[in-house]
Amino acid sequence: VEEVSIVEVAPVPPSSIFVQAGAFSIYDNALNLRNRLYDLAPSKIESIDVKGTTFYRVRLGPLNTVPEADILLERVIATGQNGAKVVVECADGGSAKSGC
């Protein structure tokens, strides 16, 4: 007798993949980086409050696939932004790490 496993398929919440090139406490520094990376991909500066301090994140994207993000990440790192990373953001602005 074989045991049959039931697989449940749940919808995946919409998310966006970005390359975060840097985060700054001074807006002009974020703007300078965004201007330097302008030709690599669409980009934006987002403000976020962390423990009462406003930081300005420079993000490129959104990107459609992880391989696409990896390629862009390599290009951003090649410009000297060694702290750049791939981030996945839920449609509601939350982090994918928190389960969207």
Protein backbone atom coordinates (compact mmCIF):
# COMPACT_ATOMS: atom_id res chain seq x y z
CA VAL A 1 0.00 0.00 0.00
CA GLU A 2 1.44 3.35 -1.05
CA GLU A 3 0.90 6.43 1.03
CA VAL A 4 -0.30 9.38 -0.99
CA SER A 5 0.94 12.81 -0.04
CA ILE A 6 -1.31 15.76 -0.62
CA VAL A 7 0.47 18.86 -1.81
CA GLU A 8 -1.20 22.15 -1.16
CA VAL A 9 -0.44 25.03 -3.47
CA ALA A 10 -0.85 28.46 -1.89
CA PRO A 11 -0.71 31.74 -3.78
CA VAL A 12 2.54 33.63 -3.45
CA PRO A 13 2.11 37.26 -2.46
CA PRO A 14 3.43 39.78 -5.01
CA SER A 15 6.97 40.91 -4.30
CA SER A 16 9.66 43.00 -5.89
CA ILE A 17 13.35 42.29 -6.20
CA PHE A 18 15.78 45.20 -5.87
CA VAL A 19 19.49 45.78 -5.58
CA GLN A 20 20.15 48.06 -2.65
CA ALA A 21 23.31 49.96 -3.53
CA GLY A 22 23.60 51.85 -0.25
CA ALA A 23 21.89 53.62 2.64
CA PHE A 24 22.79 57.06 3.96
CA SER A 25 21.76 59.39 6.75
CA ILE A 26 22.35 62.37 4.44
CA TYR A 27 19.98 62.68 1.47
CA ASP A 28 22.57 64.34 -0.79
CA ASN A 29 24.87 61.32 -0.44
CA ALA A 30 22.04 59.03 -1.56
CA LEU A 31 21.26 61.36 -4.46
CA ASN A 32 24.92 61.38 -5.56
CA LEU A 33 25.03 57.57 -5.58
CA ARG A 34 21.73 57.33 -7.45
CA ASN A 35 23.07 59.74 -10.06
CA ARG A 36 26.27 57.67 -10.44
CA LEU A 37 24.26 54.47 -10.98
CA TYR A 38 21.58 56.07 -13.15
CA ASP A 39 22.56 54.22 -16.35
CA LEU A 40 22.53 50.74 -14.77
CA ALA A 41 18.79 50.40 -14.06
CA PRO A 42 15.75 52.36 -12.93
CA SER A 43 16.41 53.56 -9.40
CA LYS A 44 14.77 55.25 -6.47
CA ILE A 45 15.61 56.74 -3.10
CA GLU A 46 13.44 55.56 -0.22
CA SER A 47 13.46 57.02 3.27
CA ILE A 48 13.16 54.73 6.27
CA ASP A 49 13.16 55.55 9.97
CA VAL A 50 15.40 53.39 12.16
CA LYS A 51 15.26 54.14 15.89
CA GLY A 52 14.52 57.83 15.28
CA THR A 53 17.11 58.31 12.53
CA THR A 54 16.08 58.73 8.90
CA PHE A 55 18.09 56.77 6.36
CA TYR A 56 17.89 57.12 2.58
CA ARG A 57 18.18 53.82 0.69
CA VAL A 58 19.28 53.76 -2.93
CA ARG A 59 17.55 50.89 -4.69
CA LEU A 60 17.70 49.77 -8.31
CA GLY A 61 14.81 47.86 -9.82
CA PRO A 62 12.35 46.31 -9.46
CA LEU A 63 13.76 43.28 -11.23
CA ASN A 64 11.85 40.27 -12.51
CA THR A 65 14.14 37.40 -11.54
CA VAL A 66 16.87 36.53 -9.08
CA PRO A 67 19.41 35.86 -11.89
CA GLU A 68 18.66 39.35 -13.26
CA ALA A 69 19.23 40.77 -9.77
CA ASP A 70 22.50 38.88 -9.42
CA ILE A 71 23.81 40.35 -12.68
CA LEU A 72 22.86 43.87 -11.61
CA LEU A 73 24.40 43.29 -8.18
CA GLU A 74 27.71 42.38 -9.82
CA ARG A 75 27.57 45.58 -11.90
CA VAL A 76 26.83 47.72 -8.84
CA ILE A 77 29.67 46.11 -6.87
CA ALA A 78 31.98 46.77 -9.84
CA THR A 79 31.32 50.51 -9.33
CA GLY A 80 32.82 50.23 -5.83
CA GLN A 81 29.61 49.69 -3.82
CA ASN A 82 30.90 46.62 -1.96
CA GLY A 83 28.03 46.70 0.53
CA ALA A 84 25.36 46.37 -2.17
CA LYS A 85 22.87 43.52 -1.74
CA VAL A 86 19.77 41.97 -3.27
CA VAL A 87 16.57 42.62 -1.31
CA VAL A 88 13.07 41.25 -1.82
CA GLU A 89 10.21 43.46 -0.75
CA CYS A 90 6.57 42.45 -0.42
CA ALA A 91 3.89 44.39 -2.26
CA ASP A 92 2.85 45.95 1.05
CA GLY A 93 6.38 47.29 1.61
CA GLY A 94 7.36 44.61 4.13
CA SER A 95 10.35 42.33 3.95
CA ALA A 96 10.11 38.88 2.39
CA LYS A 97 12.01 37.59 5.45
CA SER A 98 8.94 38.36 7.55
CA GLY A 99 6.81 36.18 5.27
CA CYS A 100 5.12 38.92 3.21
